[in-house]
PDB file of N, CA and C in Angstrom:
ATOM      1  N   MET A   1       0.847  -1.184   0.000  1.00  0.00           N
ATOM      2  CA  MET A   1       0.000   0.000   0.000  1.00  0.00           C
ATOM      3  C   MET A   1       0.886   1.237   0.000  1.00  0.00           C
ATOM      4  N   LYS A   2       0.377   2.256  -0.645  1.00  0.00           N
ATOM      5  CA  LYS A   2       1.089   3.524  -0.744  1.00  0.00           C
ATOM      6  C   LYS A   2       0.222   4.607  -0.108  1.00  0.00           C
ATOM      7  N   LYS A   3       0.832   5.456   0.705  1.00  0.00           N
ATOM      8  CA  LYS A   3       0.135   6.582   1.333  1.00  0.00           C
ATOM      9  C   LYS A   3       0.145   7.741   0.344  1.00  0.00           C
ATOM     10  N   LEU A   4      -1.051   8.113  -0.139  1.00  0.00           N
ATOM     11  CA  LEU A   4      -1.184   9.133  -1.177  1.00  0.00           C
ATOM     12  C   LEU A   4      -1.797  10.402  -0.594  1.00  0.00           C
ATOM     13  N   TYR A   5      -1.080  11.509  -0.708  1.00  0.00           N
ATOM     14  CA  TYR A   5      -1.629  12.802  -0.281  1.00  0.00           C
ATOM     15  C   TYR A   5      -2.753  13.193  -1.241  1.00  0.00           C
ATOM     16  N   VAL A   6      -3.900  13.637  -0.680  1.00  0.00           N
ATOM     17  CA  VAL A   6      -5.031  14.016  -1.514  1.00  0.00           C
ATOM     18  C   VAL A   6      -5.233  15.523  -1.504  1.00  0.00           C
ATOM     19  N   CYS A   7      -5.431  16.097  -0.327  1.00  0.00           N
ATOM     20  CA  CYS A   7      -5.698  17.528  -0.218  1.00  0.00           C
ATOM     21  C   CYS A   7      -5.687  17.910   1.260  1.00  0.00           C
ATOM     22  N   THR A   8      -5.962  19.167   1.544  1.00  0.00           N
ATOM     23  CA  THR A   8      -6.093  19.605   2.929  1.00  0.00           C
ATOM     24  C   THR A   8      -7.550  19.471   3.361  1.00  0.00           C
ATOM     25  N   THR A   9      -7.759  19.478   4.667  1.00  0.00           N
ATOM     26  CA  THR A   9      -9.123  19.408   5.182  1.00  0.00           C
ATOM     27  C   THR A   9      -9.936  20.620   4.736  1.00  0.00           C
ATOM     28  N   ALA A  10      -9.294  21.764   4.572  1.00  0.00           N
ATOM     29  CA  ALA A  10     -10.004  22.963   4.101  1.00  0.00           C
ATOM     30  C   ALA A  10     -10.473  22.813   2.658  1.00  0.00           C
ATOM     31  N   ASP A  11      -9.770  21.973   1.888  1.00  0.00           N
ATOM     32  CA  ASP A  11     -10.125  21.770   0.477  1.00  0.00           C
ATOM     33  C   ASP A  11     -11.270  20.781   0.280  1.00  0.00           C
ATOM     34  N   LEU A  12     -11.672  20.088   1.356  1.00  0.00           N
ATOM     35  CA  LEU A  12     -12.759  19.113   1.259  1.00  0.00           C
ATOM     36  C   LEU A  12     -13.718  19.347   2.427  1.00  0.00           C
ATOM     37  N   PRO A  13     -14.630  20.306   2.276  1.00  0.00           N
ATOM     38  CA  PRO A  13     -15.542  20.662   3.372  1.00  0.00           C
ATOM     39  C   PRO A  13     -16.550  19.549   3.655  1.00  0.00           C
ATOM     40  N   PRO A  14     -17.202  19.583   4.812  1.00  0.00           N
ATOM     41  CA  PRO A  14     -18.235  18.596   5.119  1.00  0.00           C
ATOM     42  C   PRO A  14     -19.268  18.515   3.992  1.00  0.00           C
ATOM     43  N   GLY A  15     -19.601  17.287   3.609  1.00  0.00           N
ATOM     44  CA  GLY A  15     -20.530  17.067   2.506  1.00  0.00           C
ATOM     45  C   GLY A  15     -19.849  17.031   1.158  1.00  0.00           C
ATOM     46  N   GLY A  16     -18.535  17.245   1.143  1.00  0.00           N
ATOM     47  CA  GLY A  16     -17.787  17.276  -0.109  1.00  0.00           C
ATOM     48  C   GLY A  16     -17.235  15.915  -0.490  1.00  0.00           C
ATOM     49  N   ALA A  17     -16.891  15.793  -1.756  1.00  0.00           N
ATOM     50  CA  ALA A  17     -16.304  14.563  -2.289  1.00  0.00           C
ATOM     51  C   ALA A  17     -15.267  14.929  -3.337  1.00  0.00           C
ATOM     52  N   ARG A  18     -14.331  14.034  -3.527  1.00  0.00           N
ATOM     53  CA  ARG A  18     -13.274  14.250  -4.520  1.00  0.00           C
ATOM     54  C   ARG A  18     -12.917  12.909  -5.143  1.00  0.00           C
ATOM     55  N   ARG A  19     -12.755  12.902  -6.458  1.00  0.00           N
ATOM     56  CA  ARG A  19     -12.357  11.687  -7.183  1.00  0.00           C
ATOM     57  C   ARG A  19     -10.848  11.668  -7.311  1.00  0.00           C
ATOM     58  N   LEU A  20     -10.249  10.512  -7.005  1.00  0.00           N
ATOM     59  CA  LEU A  20      -8.810  10.320  -7.164  1.00  0.00           C
ATOM     60  C   LEU A  20      -8.590   9.471  -8.404  1.00  0.00           C
ATOM     61  N   ASP A  21      -7.787   9.964  -9.315  1.00  0.00           N
ATOM     62  CA  ASP A  21      -7.513   9.227 -10.556  1.00  0.00           C
ATOM     63  C   ASP A  21      -6.416   8.202 -10.318  1.00  0.00           C
ATOM     64  N   THR A  22      -6.728   7.243  -9.466  1.00  0.00           N
ATOM     65  CA  THR A  22      -5.829   6.148  -9.161  1.00  0.00           C
ATOM     66  C   THR A  22      -6.337   4.918  -9.910  1.00  0.00           C
ATOM     67  N   SER A  23      -5.672   3.798  -9.700  1.00  0.00           N
ATOM     68  CA  SER A  23      -6.143   2.564 -10.321  1.00  0.00           C
ATOM     69  C   SER A  23      -6.331   1.527  -9.221  1.00  0.00           C
ATOM     70  N   PRO A  24      -7.556   1.258  -8.806  1.00  0.00           N
ATOM     71  CA  PRO A  24      -8.814   1.782  -9.345  1.00  0.00           C
ATOM     72  C   PRO A  24      -9.070   3.204  -8.862  1.00  0.00           C
ATOM     73  N   ALA A  25      -9.965   3.917  -9.543  1.00  0.00           N
ATOM     74  CA  ALA A  25     -10.341   5.262  -9.119  1.00  0.00           C
ATOM     75  C   ALA A  25     -11.014   5.174  -7.750  1.00  0.00           C
ATOM     76  N   ILE A  26     -10.749   6.177  -6.920  1.00  0.00           N
ATOM     77  CA  ILE A  26     -11.261   6.211  -5.551  1.00  0.00           C
ATOM     78  C   ILE A  26     -12.039   7.496  -5.346  1.00  0.00           C
ATOM     79  N   ALA A  27     -13.133   7.410  -4.593  1.00  0.00           N
ATOM     80  CA  ALA A  27     -13.912   8.586  -4.197  1.00  0.00           C
ATOM     81  C   ALA A  27     -13.655   8.829  -2.716  1.00  0.00           C
ATOM     82  N   LEU A  28     -13.252  10.047  -2.378  1.00  0.00           N
ATOM     83  CA  LEU A  28     -13.007  10.447  -0.994  1.00  0.00           C
ATOM     84  C   LEU A  28     -14.136  11.360  -0.558  1.00  0.00           C
ATOM     85  N   PHE A  29     -14.724  11.065   0.609  1.00  0.00           N
ATOM     86  CA  PHE A  29     -15.869  11.810   1.115  1.00  0.00           C
ATOM     87  C   PHE A  29     -15.571  12.399   2.485  1.00  0.00           C
ATOM     88  N   ASN A  30     -16.136  13.579   2.758  1.00  0.00           N
ATOM     89  CA  ASN A  30     -16.105  14.172   4.090  1.00  0.00           C
ATOM     90  C   ASN A  30     -17.527  14.149   4.628  1.00  0.00           C
ATOM     91  N   HIS A  31     -17.752  13.300   5.622  1.00  0.00           N
ATOM     92  CA  HIS A  31     -19.058  13.239   6.283  1.00  0.00           C
ATOM     93  C   HIS A  31     -18.880  13.791   7.694  1.00  0.00           C
ATOM     94  N   ASN A  32     -19.226  15.065   7.872  1.00  0.00           N
ATOM     95  CA  ASN A  32     -19.147  15.729   9.176  1.00  0.00           C
ATOM     96  C   ASN A  32     -17.772  15.628   9.824  1.00  0.00           C
ATOM     97  N   GLY A  33     -16.723  15.789   9.024  1.00  0.00           N
ATOM     98  CA  GLY A  33     -15.363  15.767   9.552  1.00  0.00           C
ATOM     99  C   GLY A  33     -14.715  14.398   9.608  1.00  0.00           C
ATOM    100  N   ASP A  34     -15.442  13.356   9.220  1.00  0.00           N
ATOM    101  CA  ASP A  34     -14.874  12.018   9.095  1.00  0.00           C
ATOM    102  C   ASP A  34     -14.669  11.741   7.611  1.00  0.00           C
ATOM    103  N   TYR A  35     -13.534  11.159   7.277  1.00  0.00           N
ATOM    104  CA  TYR A  35     -13.172  10.954   5.876  1.00  0.00           C
ATOM    105  C   TYR A  35     -13.240   9.471   5.528  1.00  0.00           C
ATOM    106  N   TYR A  36     -13.891   9.180   4.407  1.00  0.00           N
ATOM    107  CA  TYR A  36     -14.087   7.815   3.948  1.00  0.00           C
ATOM    108  C   TYR A  36     -13.686   7.729   2.478  1.00  0.00           C
ATOM    109  N   ALA A  37     -13.066   6.609   2.122  1.00  0.00           N
ATOM    110  CA  ALA A  37     -12.652   6.395   0.735  1.00  0.00           C
ATOM    111  C   ALA A  37     -13.246   5.079   0.241  1.00  0.00           C
ATOM    112  N   LEU A  38     -13.926   5.162  -0.892  1.00  0.00           N
ATOM    113  CA  LEU A  38     -14.566   4.006  -1.517  1.00  0.00           C
ATOM    114  C   LEU A  38     -14.149   3.938  -2.985  1.00  0.00           C
ATOM    115  N   ALA A  39     -14.308   2.766  -3.569  1.00  0.00           N
ATOM    116  CA  ALA A  39     -14.125   2.662  -5.014  1.00  0.00           C
ATOM    117  C   ALA A  39     -15.076   3.659  -5.679  1.00  0.00           C
ATOM    118  N   ASP A  40     -14.588   4.365  -6.672  1.00  0.00           N
ATOM    119  CA  ASP A  40     -15.384   5.432  -7.286  1.00  0.00           C
ATOM    120  C   ASP A  40     -16.463   4.924  -8.234  1.00  0.00           C
ATOM    121  N   LEU A  41     -16.298   3.753  -8.795  1.00  0.00           N
ATOM    122  CA  LEU A  41     -17.242   3.255  -9.801  1.00  0.00           C
ATOM    123  C   LEU A  41     -18.357   2.454  -9.140  1.00  0.00           C
ATOM    124  N   CYS A  42     -19.589   2.887  -9.332  1.00  0.00           N
ATOM    125  CA  CYS A  42     -20.749   2.172  -8.790  1.00  0.00           C
ATOM    126  C   CYS A  42     -20.713   0.729  -9.271  1.00  0.00           C
ATOM    127  N   THR A  43     -21.002  -0.198  -8.372  1.00  0.00           N
ATOM    128  CA  THR A  43     -20.956  -1.615  -8.736  1.00  0.00           C
ATOM    129  C   THR A  43     -22.137  -2.042  -9.595  1.00  0.00           C
ATOM    130  N   HIS A  44     -23.132  -1.186  -9.745  1.00  0.00           N
ATOM    131  CA  HIS A  44     -24.291  -1.507 -10.583  1.00  0.00           C
ATOM    132  C   HIS A  44     -24.096  -1.052 -12.022  1.00  0.00           C
ATOM    133  N   GLY A  45     -23.293  -0.001 -12.216  1.00  0.00           N
ATOM    134  CA  GLY A  45     -23.097   0.518 -13.565  1.00  0.00           C
ATOM    135  C   GLY A  45     -22.047   1.600 -13.579  1.00  0.00           C
ATOM    136  N   SER A  46     -21.844   2.203 -14.696  1.00  0.00           N
ATOM    137  CA  SER A  46     -20.784   3.194 -14.871  1.00  0.00           C
ATOM    138  C   SER A  46     -21.198   4.573 -14.371  1.00  0.00           C
ATOM    139  N   ALA A  47     -21.096   4.757 -13.068  1.00  0.00           N
ATOM    140  CA  ALA A  47     -21.397   6.054 -12.468  1.00  0.00           C
ATOM    141  C   ALA A  47     -20.323   6.363 -11.439  1.00  0.00           C
ATOM    142  N   SER A  48     -19.890   7.614 -11.396  1.00  0.00           N
ATOM    143  CA  SER A  48     -18.867   8.044 -10.448  1.00  0.00           C
ATOM    144  C   SER A  48     -19.508   8.343  -9.096  1.00  0.00           C
ATOM    145  N   MET A  49     -19.116   7.597  -8.076  1.00  0.00           N
ATOM    146  CA  MET A  49     -19.663   7.794  -6.745  1.00  0.00           C
ATOM    147  C   MET A  49     -19.262   9.153  -6.158  1.00  0.00           C
ATOM    148  N   SER A  50     -18.169   9.728  -6.624  1.00  0.00           N
ATOM    149  CA  SER A  50     -17.770  11.054  -6.135  1.00  0.00           C
ATOM    150  C   SER A  50     -18.767  12.128  -6.549  1.00  0.00           C
ATOM    151  N   GLU A  51     -19.620  11.820  -7.525  1.00  0.00           N
ATOM    152  CA  GLU A  51     -20.680  12.736  -7.945  1.00  0.00           C
ATOM    153  C   GLU A  51     -22.004  12.419  -7.251  1.00  0.00           C
ATOM    154  N   GLY A  52     -21.948  11.457  -6.308  1.00  0.00           N
ATOM    155  CA  GLY A  52     -23.152  11.035  -5.592  1.00  0.00           C
ATOM    156  C   GLY A  52     -23.554  12.021  -4.507  1.00  0.00           C
ATOM    157  N   TYR A  53     -24.572  11.651  -3.778  1.00  0.00           N
ATOM    158  CA  TYR A  53     -25.168  12.511  -2.756  1.00  0.00           C
ATOM    159  C   TYR A  53     -24.905  11.920  -1.384  1.00  0.00           C
ATOM    160  N   ILE A  54     -24.175  12.650  -0.550  1.00  0.00           N
ATOM    161  CA  ILE A  54     -23.886  12.201   0.802  1.00  0.00           C
ATOM    162  C   ILE A  54     -25.119  12.451   1.664  1.00  0.00           C
ATOM    163  N   GLU A  55     -25.561  11.407   2.340  1.00  0.00           N
ATOM    164  CA  GLU A  55     -26.748  11.480   3.180  1.00  0.00           C
ATOM    165  C   GLU A  55     -26.354  11.610   4.651  1.00  0.00           C
ATOM    166  N   ASP A  56     -27.274  12.098   5.482  1.00  0.00           N
ATOM    167  CA  ASP A  56     -27.014  12.288   6.911  1.00  0.00           C
ATOM    168  C   ASP A  56     -26.712  10.988   7.641  1.00  0.00           C
ATOM    169  N   ASP A  57     -27.190   9.848   7.123  1.00  0.00           N
ATOM    170  CA  ASP A  57     -26.993   8.562   7.792  1.00  0.00           C
ATOM    171  C   ASP A  57     -25.675   7.889   7.414  1.00  0.00           C
ATOM    172  N   CYS A  58     -24.706   8.670   6.928  1.00  0.00           N
ATOM    173  CA  CYS A  58     -23.368   8.186   6.564  1.00  0.00           C
ATOM    174  C   CYS A  58     -23.423   7.212   5.394  1.00  0.00           C
ATOM    175  N   THR A  59     -24.263   7.543   4.417  1.00  0.00           N
ATOM    176  CA  THR A  59     -24.329   6.779   3.182  1.00  0.00           C
ATOM    177  C   THR A  59     -24.110   7.725   2.010  1.00  0.00           C
ATOM    178  N   VAL A  60     -23.842   7.137   0.854  1.00  0.00           N
ATOM    179  CA  VAL A  60     -23.761   7.908  -0.383  1.00  0.00           C
ATOM    180  C   VAL A  60     -24.718   7.267  -1.382  1.00  0.00           C
ATOM    181  N   GLU A  61     -25.451   8.121  -2.081  1.00  0.00           N
ATOM    182  CA  GLU A  61     -26.394   7.663  -3.093  1.00  0.00           C
ATOM    183  C   GLU A  61     -25.765   7.814  -4.464  1.00  0.00           C
ATOM    184  N   CYS A  62     -25.817   6.754  -5.247  1.00  0.00           N
ATOM    185  CA  CYS A  62     -25.313   6.794  -6.616  1.00  0.00           C
ATOM    186  C   CYS A  62     -26.061   7.884  -7.384  1.00  0.00           C
ATOM    187  N   PRO A  63     -25.354   8.735  -8.133  1.00  0.00           N
ATOM    188  CA  PRO A  63     -26.022   9.821  -8.838  1.00  0.00           C
ATOM    189  C   PRO A  63     -26.867   9.365 -10.024  1.00  0.00           C
ATOM    190  N   VAL A  64     -26.700   8.119 -10.459  1.00  0.00           N
ATOM    191  CA  VAL A  64     -27.436   7.628 -11.621  1.00  0.00           C
ATOM    192  C   VAL A  64     -28.497   6.604 -11.229  1.00  0.00           C
ATOM    193  N   HIS A  65     -28.130   5.659 -10.378  1.00  0.00           N
ATOM    194  CA  HIS A  65     -28.997   4.509 -10.117  1.00  0.00           C
ATOM    195  C   HIS A  65     -29.742   4.577  -8.787  1.00  0.00           C
ATOM    196  N   THR A  66     -29.489   5.568  -7.962  1.00  0.00           N
ATOM    197  CA  THR A  66     -30.090   5.801  -6.642  1.00  0.00           C
ATOM    198  C   THR A  66     -29.803   4.699  -5.627  1.00  0.00           C
ATOM    199  N   ALA A  67     -28.873   3.811  -5.903  1.00  0.00           N
ATOM    200  CA  ALA A  67     -28.467   2.822  -4.906  1.00  0.00           C
ATOM    201  C   ALA A  67     -27.712   3.541  -3.801  1.00  0.00           C
ATOM    202  N   HIS A  68     -27.854   3.050  -2.576  1.00  0.00           N
ATOM    203  CA  HIS A  68     -27.154   3.625  -1.435  1.00  0.00           C
ATOM    204  C   HIS A  68     -26.062   2.669  -0.964  1.00  0.00           C
ATOM    205  N   PHE A  69     -24.918   3.262  -0.566  1.00  0.00           N
ATOM    206  CA  PHE A  69     -23.784   2.507  -0.040  1.00  0.00           C
ATOM    207  C   PHE A  69     -23.361   3.121   1.282  1.00  0.00           C
ATOM    208  N   CYS A  70     -22.947   2.282   2.221  1.00  0.00           N
ATOM    209  CA  CYS A  70     -22.436   2.754   3.501  1.00  0.00           C
ATOM    210  C   CYS A  70     -21.040   3.343   3.293  1.00  0.00           C
ATOM    211  N   LEU A  71     -20.819   4.560   3.772  1.00  0.00           N
ATOM    212  CA  LEU A  71     -19.502   5.177   3.633  1.00  0.00           C
ATOM    213  C   LEU A  71     -18.457   4.467   4.477  1.00  0.00           C
ATOM    214  N   LYS A  72     -18.857   3.907   5.603  1.00  0.00           N
ATOM    215  CA  LYS A  72     -17.908   3.254   6.510  1.00  0.00           C
ATOM    216  C   LYS A  72     -17.444   1.896   5.999  1.00  0.00           C
ATOM    217  N   THR A  73     -18.358   1.131   5.401  1.00  0.00           N
ATOM    218  CA  THR A  73     -18.048  -0.257   5.035  1.00  0.00           C
ATOM    219  C   THR A  73     -18.088  -0.540   3.539  1.00  0.00           C
ATOM    220  N   GLY A  74     -18.684   0.364   2.759  1.00  0.00           N
ATOM    221  CA  GLY A  74     -18.853   0.134   1.331  1.00  0.00           C
ATOM    222  C   GLY A  74     -20.027  -0.771   0.996  1.00  0.00           C
ATOM    223  N   LYS A  75     -20.743  -1.236   2.008  1.00  0.00           N
ATOM    224  CA  LYS A  75     -21.846  -2.185   1.797  1.00  0.00           C
ATOM    225  C   LYS A  75     -22.951  -1.580   0.929  1.00  0.00           C
ATOM    226  N   ALA A  76     -23.398  -2.356  -0.064  1.00  0.00           N
ATOM    227  CA  ALA A  76     -24.541  -1.970  -0.895  1.00  0.00           C
ATOM    228  C   ALA A  76     -25.790  -2.139  -0.043  1.00  0.00           C
ATOM    229  N   LEU A  77     -26.529  -1.053   0.163  1.00  0.00           N
ATOM    230  CA  LEU A  77     -27.668  -1.072   1.074  1.00  0.00           C
ATOM    231  C   LEU A  77     -29.016  -1.144   0.379  1.00  0.00           C
ATOM    232  N   THR A  78     -29.093  -0.704  -0.873  1.00  0.00           N
ATOM    233  CA  THR A  78     -30.368  -0.694  -1.583  1.00  0.00           C
ATOM    234  C   THR A  78     -30.172  -1.146  -3.025  1.00  0.00           C
ATOM    235  N   GLN A  79     -31.247  -1.611  -3.619  1.00  0.00           N
ATOM    236  CA  GLN A  79     -31.272  -1.975  -5.032  1.00  0.00           C
ATOM    237  C   GLN A  79     -31.133  -0.701  -5.869  1.00  0.00           C
ATOM    238  N   PRO A  80     -30.626  -0.745  -7.043  1.00  0.00           N
ATOM    239  CA  PRO A  80     -30.320  -1.950  -7.797  1.00  0.00           C
ATOM    240  C   PRO A  80     -28.938  -2.537  -7.510  1.00  0.00           C
ATOM    241  N   ALA A  81     -28.140  -1.903  -6.661  1.00  0.00           N
ATOM    242  CA  ALA A  81     -26.802  -2.431  -6.362  1.00  0.00           C
ATOM    243  C   ALA A  81     -26.906  -3.614  -5.408  1.00  0.00           C
ATOM    244  N   THR A  82     -26.129  -4.647  -5.699  1.00  0.00           N
ATOM    245  CA  THR A  82     -26.073  -5.820  -4.824  1.00  0.00           C
ATOM    246  C   THR A  82     -24.638  -6.163  -4.441  1.00  0.00           C
ATOM    247  N   VAL A  83     -23.669  -5.513  -5.067  1.00  0.00           N
ATOM    248  CA  VAL A  83     -22.257  -5.762  -4.799  1.00  0.00           C
ATOM    249  C   VAL A  83     -21.686  -4.562  -4.041  1.00  0.00           C
ATOM    250  N   ASP A  84     -20.958  -4.841  -2.968  1.00  0.00           N
ATOM    251  CA  ASP A  84     -20.369  -3.786  -2.149  1.00  0.00           C
ATOM    252  C   ASP A  84     -19.242  -3.076  -2.888  1.00  0.00           C
ATOM    253  N   LEU A  85     -18.967  -1.840  -2.457  1.00  0.00           N
ATOM    254  CA  LEU A  85     -17.828  -1.074  -2.957  1.00  0.00           C
ATOM    255  C   LEU A  85     -16.603  -1.375  -2.095  1.00  0.00           C
ATOM    256  N   ALA A  86     -15.439  -1.418  -2.712  1.00  0.00           N
ATOM    257  CA  ALA A  86     -14.196  -1.571  -1.955  1.00  0.00           C
ATOM    258  C   ALA A  86     -13.964  -0.312  -1.127  1.00  0.00           C
ATOM    259  N   THR A  87     -13.360  -0.477   0.034  1.00  0.00           N
ATOM    260  CA  THR A  87     -13.019   0.656   0.895  1.00  0.00           C
ATOM    261  C   THR A  87     -11.507   0.790   0.974  1.00  0.00           C
ATOM    262  N   PHE A  88     -11.066   1.998   1.304  1.00  0.00           N
ATOM    263  CA  PHE A  88      -9.644   2.285   1.422  1.00  0.00           C
ATOM    264  C   PHE A  88      -9.418   3.077   2.701  1.00  0.00           C
ATOM    265  N   GLU A  89      -8.330   2.797   3.359  1.00  0.00           N
ATOM    266  CA  GLU A  89      -8.001   3.474   4.613  1.00  0.00           C
ATOM    267  C   GLU A  89      -7.661   4.939   4.356  1.00  0.00           C
ATOM    268  N   THR A  90      -8.127   5.806   5.242  1.00  0.00           N
ATOM    269  CA  THR A  90      -7.798   7.227   5.176  1.00  0.00           C
ATOM    270  C   THR A  90      -7.013   7.605   6.429  1.00  0.00           C
ATOM    271  N   LEU A  91      -6.293   8.708   6.342  1.00  0.00           N
ATOM    272  CA  LEU A  91      -5.513   9.211   7.463  1.00  0.00           C
ATOM    273  C   LEU A  91      -5.478  10.725   7.378  1.00  0.00           C
ATOM    274  N   VAL A  92      -5.694  11.384   8.513  1.00  0.00           N
ATOM    275  CA  VAL A  92      -5.548  12.835   8.584  1.00  0.00           C
ATOM    276  C   VAL A  92      -4.372  13.119   9.503  1.00  0.00           C
ATOM    277  N   GLU A  93      -3.376  13.822   8.984  1.00  0.00           N
ATOM    278  CA  GLU A  93      -2.219  14.255   9.764  1.00  0.00           C
ATOM    279  C   GLU A  93      -2.174  15.771   9.685  1.00  0.00           C
ATOM    280  N   GLY A  94      -2.406  16.422  10.823  1.00  0.00           N
ATOM    281  CA  GLY A  94      -2.515  17.874  10.808  1.00  0.00           C
ATOM    282  C   GLY A  94      -3.735  18.237   9.985  1.00  0.00           C
ATOM    283  N   ASP A  95      -3.533  18.980   8.898  1.00  0.00           N
ATOM    284  CA  ASP A  95      -4.656  19.312   8.013  1.00  0.00           C
ATOM    285  C   ASP A  95      -4.552  18.597   6.668  1.00  0.00           C
ATOM    286  N   ALA A  96      -3.652  17.612   6.574  1.00  0.00           N
ATOM    287  CA  ALA A  96      -3.453  16.860   5.335  1.00  0.00           C
ATOM    288  C   ALA A  96      -4.254  15.562   5.361  1.00  0.00           C
ATOM    289  N   ILE A  97      -4.942  15.273   4.253  1.00  0.00           N
ATOM    290  CA  ILE A  97      -5.722  14.037   4.125  1.00  0.00           C
ATOM    291  C   ILE A  97      -4.975  13.095   3.184  1.00  0.00           C
ATOM    292  N   TYR A  98      -4.816  11.849   3.625  1.00  0.00           N
ATOM    293  CA  TYR A  98      -4.160  10.812   2.844  1.00  0.00           C
ATOM    294  C   TYR A  98      -5.109   9.634   2.657  1.00  0.00           C
ATOM    295  N   VAL A  99      -4.900   8.915   1.566  1.00  0.00           N
ATOM    296  CA  VAL A  99      -5.603   7.655   1.318  1.00  0.00           C
ATOM    297  C   VAL A  99      -4.531   6.615   1.003  1.00  0.00           C
ATOM    298  N   PHE A 100      -4.704   5.432   1.560  1.00  0.00           N
ATOM    299  CA  PHE A 100      -3.799   4.337   1.261  1.00  0.00           C
ATOM    300  C   PHE A 100      -4.321   3.587   0.054  1.00  0.00           C
ATOM    301  N   VAL A 101      -3.517   3.556  -1.010  1.00  0.00           N
ATOM    302  CA  VAL A 101      -3.931   2.948  -2.279  1.00  0.00           C
ATOM    303  C   VAL A 101      -3.081   1.717  -2.583  1.00  0.00           C
ATOM    304  N   PRO A 102      -3.664   0.746  -3.291  1.00  0.00           N
ATOM    305  CA  PRO A 102      -2.890  -0.444  -3.646  1.00  0.00           C
ATOM    306  C   PRO A 102      -1.750  -0.090  -4.597  1.00  0.00           C
ATOM    307  N   THR A 103      -0.637  -0.797  -4.458  1.00  0.00           N
ATOM    308  CA  THR A 103       0.512  -0.535  -5.319  1.00  0.00           C
ATOM    309  C   THR A 103       0.714  -1.606  -6.366  1.00  0.00           C
ATOM    310  N   GLY A 104      -0.016  -2.713  -6.253  1.00  0.00           N
ATOM    311  CA  GLY A 104       0.184  -3.812  -7.191  1.00  0.00           C
ATOM    312  C   GLY A 104       1.193  -4.817  -6.686  1.00  0.00           C
ATOM    313  N   ASP A 105       1.925  -4.477  -5.605  1.00  0.00           N
ATOM    314  CA  ASP A 105       2.873  -5.418  -5.010  1.00  0.00           C
ATOM    315  C   ASP A 105       2.108  -6.495  -4.257  1.00  0.00           C
ATOM    316  N   ARG A 106       2.611  -7.664  -4.239  1.00  0.00           N
ATOM    317  CA  ARG A 106       1.946  -8.756  -3.517  1.00  0.00           C
ATOM    318  C   ARG A 106       2.822  -9.252  -2.418  1.00  0.00           C
TER     319      ARG A 106
END
């Protein structure tokens, strides 16, 4: 795993999201000061989760298919999605936000 700097906490306000052009692409979310990283591609179809809608119950709604996913676990909570999203560890050091991304090493 590689620790990837994303942005500062000021650059990602509560309710905000940012897409990371990694492989796979990752969506980083700020839910009330807690940061969560999920696979960016909806498991139901080709939609960017970073363009989704963050809900008060710590879920994100797909902007195309209206499926809901848990920000904490990536679990698919509603139809039409039935496959969970991958999650990635986040870290805040000072005001810097990092995401741990796969490197391809085994």
